Amino acid sequence: MRILPLVFIVFMSVVLAVPALAAGSADDDMVKKAQNLNVTVPQKGTALLGTQESMTQMTGWLNACVDAILSVVHDVMNVLGISNTTYAQDMTKTLEQGKTISQGGIKK
């Protein structure tokens, strides 16, 4: 019966101590890098809706959005330090293939 409160106290002290221990200099650098992440949202086209030009501008805008998203994903992986792992490289390759497939369906 007395072990349960002791386990609870140890657990609570670990929960409170982990964030304090994680505030090392390497994590401060990661926080600074994360604060500098940004993304620019591409501008939409100005063509009259329903025209072929507006559809071309819309697909161009969507592809520009994909580029922006891929840029953010790459930047986040760099901040976390996992961009050189095979998992991250495979994921980036798969995302790039999806972008290529979507652009291949566009007829100009």
N, C-alpha and C. Protein backbone atom coordinates (compact mmCIF):
# COMPACT_ATOMS: atom_id res chain seq x y z
N MET A 1 0.82 -1.19 0.00
CA MET A 1 0.00 0.00 0.00
C MET A 1 0.87 1.26 0.00
N ARG A 2 2.00 1.24 0.65
CA ARG A 2 2.84 2.44 0.72
C ARG A 2 3.71 2.58 -0.53
N ILE A 3 3.81 1.56 -1.34
CA ILE A 3 4.64 1.64 -2.54
C ILE A 3 3.97 2.50 -3.60
N LEU A 4 2.68 2.46 -3.71
CA LEU A 4 1.96 3.23 -4.73
C LEU A 4 2.21 4.74 -4.60
N PRO A 5 2.13 5.35 -3.42
CA PRO A 5 2.46 6.77 -3.33
C PRO A 5 3.92 7.07 -3.67
N LEU A 6 4.82 6.17 -3.31
CA LEU A 6 6.23 6.36 -3.63
C LEU A 6 6.46 6.32 -5.15
N VAL A 7 5.82 5.38 -5.83
CA VAL A 7 5.92 5.29 -7.29
C VAL A 7 5.34 6.55 -7.92
N PHE A 8 4.23 7.02 -7.39
CA PHE A 8 3.60 8.24 -7.92
C PHE A 8 4.53 9.44 -7.75
N ILE A 9 5.18 9.56 -6.62
CA ILE A 9 6.10 10.69 -6.38
C ILE A 9 7.30 10.61 -7.33
N VAL A 10 7.85 9.43 -7.50
CA VAL A 10 8.97 9.27 -8.43
C VAL A 10 8.53 9.61 -9.85
N PHE A 11 7.37 9.13 -10.25
CA PHE A 11 6.85 9.42 -11.59
C PHE A 11 6.66 10.91 -11.80
N MET A 12 6.09 11.60 -10.84
CA MET A 12 5.85 13.04 -10.96
C MET A 12 7.17 13.81 -11.01
N SER A 13 8.17 13.38 -10.24
CA SER A 13 9.46 14.07 -10.28
C SER A 13 10.15 13.87 -11.63
N VAL A 14 9.99 12.70 -12.23
CA VAL A 14 10.55 12.46 -13.56
C VAL A 14 9.83 13.32 -14.59
N VAL A 15 8.52 13.39 -14.49
CA VAL A 15 7.74 14.21 -15.44
C VAL A 15 8.14 15.67 -15.34
N LEU A 16 8.42 16.14 -14.16
CA LEU A 16 8.82 17.54 -13.99
C LEU A 16 10.29 17.77 -14.35
N ALA A 17 11.13 16.76 -14.20
CA ALA A 17 12.57 16.94 -14.45
C ALA A 17 12.93 16.81 -15.92
N VAL A 18 12.19 16.05 -16.70
CA VAL A 18 12.54 15.82 -18.10
C VAL A 18 12.57 17.12 -18.91
N PRO A 19 11.56 17.99 -18.81
CA PRO A 19 11.66 19.25 -19.58
C PRO A 19 12.85 20.11 -19.16
N ALA A 20 13.19 20.10 -17.90
CA ALA A 20 14.33 20.88 -17.44
C ALA A 20 15.64 20.31 -17.99
N LEU A 21 15.75 19.02 -18.07
CA LEU A 21 16.94 18.39 -18.62
C LEU A 21 17.03 18.56 -20.13
N ALA A 22 15.88 18.65 -20.78
CA ALA A 22 15.86 18.78 -22.24
C ALA A 22 16.21 20.18 -22.71
N ALA A 23 16.35 21.12 -21.80
CA ALA A 23 16.62 22.51 -22.18
C ALA A 23 18.11 22.78 -22.34
N GLY A 24 18.81 21.81 -22.88
CA GLY A 24 20.24 21.98 -23.10
C GLY A 24 20.54 22.89 -24.28
N SER A 25 21.82 23.13 -24.55
CA SER A 25 22.21 24.06 -25.61
C SER A 25 21.86 23.52 -26.99
N ALA A 26 21.93 22.21 -27.19
CA ALA A 26 21.57 21.64 -28.49
C ALA A 26 20.09 21.86 -28.78
N ASP A 27 19.27 21.74 -27.74
CA ASP A 27 17.84 21.96 -27.93
C ASP A 27 17.54 23.43 -28.15
N ASP A 28 18.30 24.31 -27.53
CA ASP A 28 18.11 25.75 -27.76
C ASP A 28 18.37 26.08 -29.22
N ASP A 29 19.40 25.45 -29.78
CA ASP A 29 19.71 25.66 -31.20
C ASP A 29 18.56 25.15 -32.07
N MET A 30 18.00 24.00 -31.70
CA MET A 30 16.88 23.45 -32.45
C MET A 30 15.67 24.37 -32.37
N VAL A 31 15.43 24.94 -31.21
CA VAL A 31 14.31 25.86 -31.04
C VAL A 31 14.51 27.10 -31.90
N LYS A 32 15.72 27.62 -31.94
CA LYS A 32 16.01 28.80 -32.78
C LYS A 32 15.78 28.48 -34.25
N LYS A 33 16.23 27.30 -34.68
CA LYS A 33 16.01 26.89 -36.07
C LYS A 33 14.52 26.74 -36.36
N ALA A 34 13.79 26.17 -35.42
CA ALA A 34 12.35 25.97 -35.62
C ALA A 34 11.62 27.30 -35.68
N GLN A 35 12.08 28.28 -34.93
CA GLN A 35 11.44 29.59 -34.96
C GLN A 35 11.67 30.30 -36.28
N ASN A 36 12.71 29.93 -37.01
CA ASN A 36 13.01 30.57 -38.28
C ASN A 36 12.38 29.87 -39.47
N LEU A 37 11.61 28.82 -39.24
CA LEU A 37 10.93 28.15 -40.34
C LEU A 37 9.84 29.07 -40.88
N ASN A 38 9.73 29.12 -42.20
CA ASN A 38 8.66 29.90 -42.79
C ASN A 38 8.27 29.29 -44.12
N VAL A 39 7.13 29.69 -44.61
CA VAL A 39 6.64 29.23 -45.89
C VAL A 39 5.92 30.39 -46.57
N THR A 40 6.11 30.50 -47.87
CA THR A 40 5.43 31.53 -48.63
C THR A 40 4.32 30.87 -49.42
N VAL A 41 3.10 31.35 -49.20
CA VAL A 41 1.95 30.81 -49.92
C VAL A 41 1.90 31.48 -51.28
N PRO A 42 1.88 30.67 -52.35
CA PRO A 42 1.84 31.25 -53.69
C PRO A 42 0.54 32.01 -53.94
N GLN A 43 0.63 33.02 -54.80
CA GLN A 43 -0.56 33.80 -55.16
C GLN A 43 -1.39 33.04 -56.18
N LYS A 44 -2.70 33.15 -56.04
CA LYS A 44 -3.61 32.54 -57.01
C LYS A 44 -3.65 33.39 -58.26
N GLY A 45 -4.10 32.78 -59.35
CA GLY A 45 -4.22 33.49 -60.61
C GLY A 45 -5.37 34.49 -60.60
N THR A 46 -5.40 35.33 -61.61
CA THR A 46 -6.42 36.36 -61.70
C THR A 46 -7.35 36.19 -62.89
N ALA A 47 -7.25 35.06 -63.59
CA ALA A 47 -8.08 34.84 -64.77
C ALA A 47 -9.54 34.66 -64.37
N LEU A 48 -10.43 34.92 -65.31
CA LEU A 48 -11.87 34.77 -65.11
C LEU A 48 -12.18 33.31 -64.81
N LEU A 49 -12.95 33.07 -63.76
CA LEU A 49 -13.26 31.70 -63.34
C LEU A 49 -14.00 30.95 -64.44
N GLY A 50 -13.67 29.68 -64.60
CA GLY A 50 -14.32 28.82 -65.58
C GLY A 50 -13.62 28.80 -66.92
N THR A 51 -12.67 29.65 -67.11
CA THR A 51 -11.94 29.66 -68.39
C THR A 51 -10.78 28.69 -68.33
N GLN A 52 -10.26 28.35 -69.51
CA GLN A 52 -9.13 27.43 -69.58
C GLN A 52 -7.92 28.05 -68.89
N GLU A 53 -7.76 29.36 -69.03
CA GLU A 53 -6.64 30.04 -68.40
C GLU A 53 -6.72 29.93 -66.87
N SER A 54 -7.95 30.03 -66.32
CA SER A 54 -8.09 29.93 -64.87
C SER A 54 -7.75 28.53 -64.38
N MET A 55 -8.11 27.52 -65.18
CA MET A 55 -7.77 26.14 -64.80
C MET A 55 -6.26 25.92 -64.86
N THR A 56 -5.61 26.49 -65.87
CA THR A 56 -4.16 26.38 -65.97
C THR A 56 -3.49 27.09 -64.79
N GLN A 57 -4.01 28.28 -64.44
CA GLN A 57 -3.46 29.00 -63.30
C GLN A 57 -3.69 28.25 -62.00
N MET A 58 -4.85 27.61 -61.89
CA MET A 58 -5.17 26.86 -60.66
C MET A 58 -4.22 25.67 -60.49
N THR A 59 -3.98 24.92 -61.57
CA THR A 59 -3.06 23.79 -61.46
C THR A 59 -1.64 24.27 -61.19
N GLY A 60 -1.27 25.38 -61.78
CA GLY A 60 0.05 25.96 -61.48
C GLY A 60 0.15 26.38 -60.03
N TRP A 61 -0.94 26.95 -59.49
CA TRP A 61 -0.96 27.35 -58.08
C TRP A 61 -0.87 26.13 -57.17
N LEU A 62 -1.60 25.07 -57.52
CA LEU A 62 -1.55 23.85 -56.71
C LEU A 62 -0.14 23.24 -56.72
N ASN A 63 0.50 23.24 -57.87
CA ASN A 63 1.87 22.72 -57.94
C ASN A 63 2.83 23.60 -57.15
N ALA A 64 2.61 24.91 -57.17
CA ALA A 64 3.45 25.82 -56.36
C ALA A 64 3.22 25.56 -54.87
N CYS A 65 1.98 25.25 -54.49
CA CYS A 65 1.68 24.91 -53.08
C CYS A 65 2.39 23.61 -52.68
N VAL A 66 2.42 22.64 -53.59
CA VAL A 66 3.12 21.39 -53.32
C VAL A 66 4.60 21.67 -53.10
N ASP A 67 5.18 22.54 -53.93
CA ASP A 67 6.59 22.89 -53.75
C ASP A 67 6.82 23.54 -52.38
N ALA A 68 5.90 24.41 -51.97
CA ALA A 68 6.02 25.06 -50.66
C ALA A 68 5.92 24.04 -49.52
N ILE A 69 5.00 23.10 -49.65
CA ILE A 69 4.84 22.07 -48.61
C ILE A 69 6.09 21.19 -48.55
N LEU A 70 6.60 20.79 -49.70
CA LEU A 70 7.82 19.98 -49.71
C LEU A 70 8.99 20.73 -49.10
N SER A 71 9.05 22.02 -49.33
CA SER A 71 10.10 22.84 -48.75
C SER A 71 10.00 22.85 -47.22
N VAL A 72 8.79 22.99 -46.70
CA VAL A 72 8.59 22.99 -45.25
C VAL A 72 8.95 21.62 -44.67
N VAL A 73 8.52 20.54 -45.33
CA VAL A 73 8.84 19.20 -44.85
C VAL A 73 10.36 19.01 -44.79
N HIS A 74 11.03 19.45 -45.84
CA HIS A 74 12.50 19.32 -45.88
C HIS A 74 13.15 20.16 -44.77
N ASP A 75 12.66 21.38 -44.56
CA ASP A 75 13.21 22.23 -43.50
C ASP A 75 12.99 21.64 -42.12
N VAL A 76 11.81 21.06 -41.89
CA VAL A 76 11.52 20.44 -40.58
C VAL A 76 12.43 19.24 -40.36
N MET A 77 12.64 18.45 -41.41
CA MET A 77 13.53 17.30 -41.25
C MET A 77 14.96 17.76 -40.97
N ASN A 78 15.38 18.88 -41.55
CA ASN A 78 16.70 19.43 -41.25
C ASN A 78 16.79 19.88 -39.80
N VAL A 79 15.75 20.54 -39.30
CA VAL A 79 15.74 21.00 -37.92
C VAL A 79 15.83 19.82 -36.96
N LEU A 80 15.09 18.76 -37.26
CA LEU A 80 15.09 17.59 -36.39
C LEU A 80 16.35 16.74 -36.57
N GLY A 81 17.13 17.03 -37.62
CA GLY A 81 18.36 16.29 -37.85
C GLY A 81 18.16 14.91 -38.45
N ILE A 82 17.03 14.73 -39.14
CA ILE A 82 16.76 13.41 -39.72
C ILE A 82 16.78 13.43 -41.25
N SER A 83 17.21 14.55 -41.84
CA SER A 83 17.15 14.63 -43.30
C SER A 83 18.12 13.67 -43.99
N ASN A 84 19.15 13.21 -43.29
CA ASN A 84 20.12 12.29 -43.89
C ASN A 84 19.77 10.82 -43.67
N THR A 85 18.69 10.54 -42.98
CA THR A 85 18.31 9.16 -42.75
C THR A 85 17.67 8.59 -44.01
N THR A 86 17.74 7.28 -44.15
CA THR A 86 17.14 6.65 -45.33
C THR A 86 15.63 6.81 -45.32
N TYR A 87 15.03 6.79 -44.14
CA TYR A 87 13.58 6.98 -44.05
C TYR A 87 13.17 8.33 -44.61
N ALA A 88 13.86 9.39 -44.21
CA ALA A 88 13.53 10.73 -44.68
C ALA A 88 13.79 10.87 -46.17
N GLN A 89 14.87 10.28 -46.65
CA GLN A 89 15.17 10.36 -48.08
C GLN A 89 14.15 9.59 -48.90
N ASP A 90 13.71 8.43 -48.41
CA ASP A 90 12.66 7.67 -49.10
C ASP A 90 11.35 8.44 -49.11
N MET A 91 11.03 9.08 -47.99
CA MET A 91 9.79 9.85 -47.91
C MET A 91 9.84 11.04 -48.88
N THR A 92 10.97 11.72 -48.94
CA THR A 92 11.11 12.85 -49.86
C THR A 92 11.00 12.39 -51.30
N LYS A 93 11.62 11.24 -51.61
CA LYS A 93 11.55 10.70 -52.96
C LYS A 93 10.10 10.36 -53.33
N THR A 94 9.36 9.77 -52.40
CA THR A 94 7.96 9.43 -52.66
C THR A 94 7.13 10.68 -52.89
N LEU A 95 7.36 11.71 -52.08
CA LEU A 95 6.61 12.96 -52.26
C LEU A 95 6.94 13.61 -53.60
N GLU A 96 8.19 13.56 -54.00
CA GLU A 96 8.60 14.12 -55.30
C GLU A 96 7.96 13.34 -56.44
N GLN A 97 7.86 12.02 -56.31
CA GLN A 97 7.21 11.21 -57.34
C GLN A 97 5.74 11.56 -57.47
N GLY A 98 5.09 11.81 -56.34
CA GLY A 98 3.68 12.22 -56.38
C GLY A 98 3.51 13.55 -57.08
N LYS A 99 4.44 14.45 -56.86
CA LYS A 99 4.38 15.75 -57.53
C LYS A 99 4.57 15.57 -59.04
N THR A 100 5.50 14.73 -59.43
CA THR A 100 5.75 14.48 -60.85
C THR A 100 4.53 13.86 -61.52
N ILE A 101 3.87 12.93 -60.84
CA ILE A 101 2.67 12.29 -61.40
C ILE A 101 1.58 13.33 -61.59
N SER A 102 1.39 14.22 -60.61
CA SER A 102 0.33 15.23 -60.72
C SER A 102 0.63 16.21 -61.84
N GLN A 103 1.89 16.56 -62.05
CA GLN A 103 2.23 17.48 -63.12
C GLN A 103 2.16 16.79 -64.48
N GLY A 104 2.33 15.49 -64.53
CA GLY A 104 2.26 14.77 -65.79
C GLY A 104 0.87 14.74 -66.37
N GLY A 105 -0.15 14.91 -65.53
CA GLY A 105 -1.52 14.87 -66.00
C GLY A 105 -2.00 16.20 -66.57
N ILE A 106 -1.18 17.24 -66.51
CA ILE A 106 -1.58 18.56 -66.99
C ILE A 106 -1.31 18.65 -68.48
N LYS A 107 -2.33 19.01 -69.24
CA LYS A 107 -2.16 19.21 -70.68
C LYS A 107 -2.25 20.68 -70.97
N LYS A 108 -1.26 21.19 -71.65
CA LYS A 108 -1.24 22.62 -71.96
C LYS A 108 -1.61 22.85 -73.40
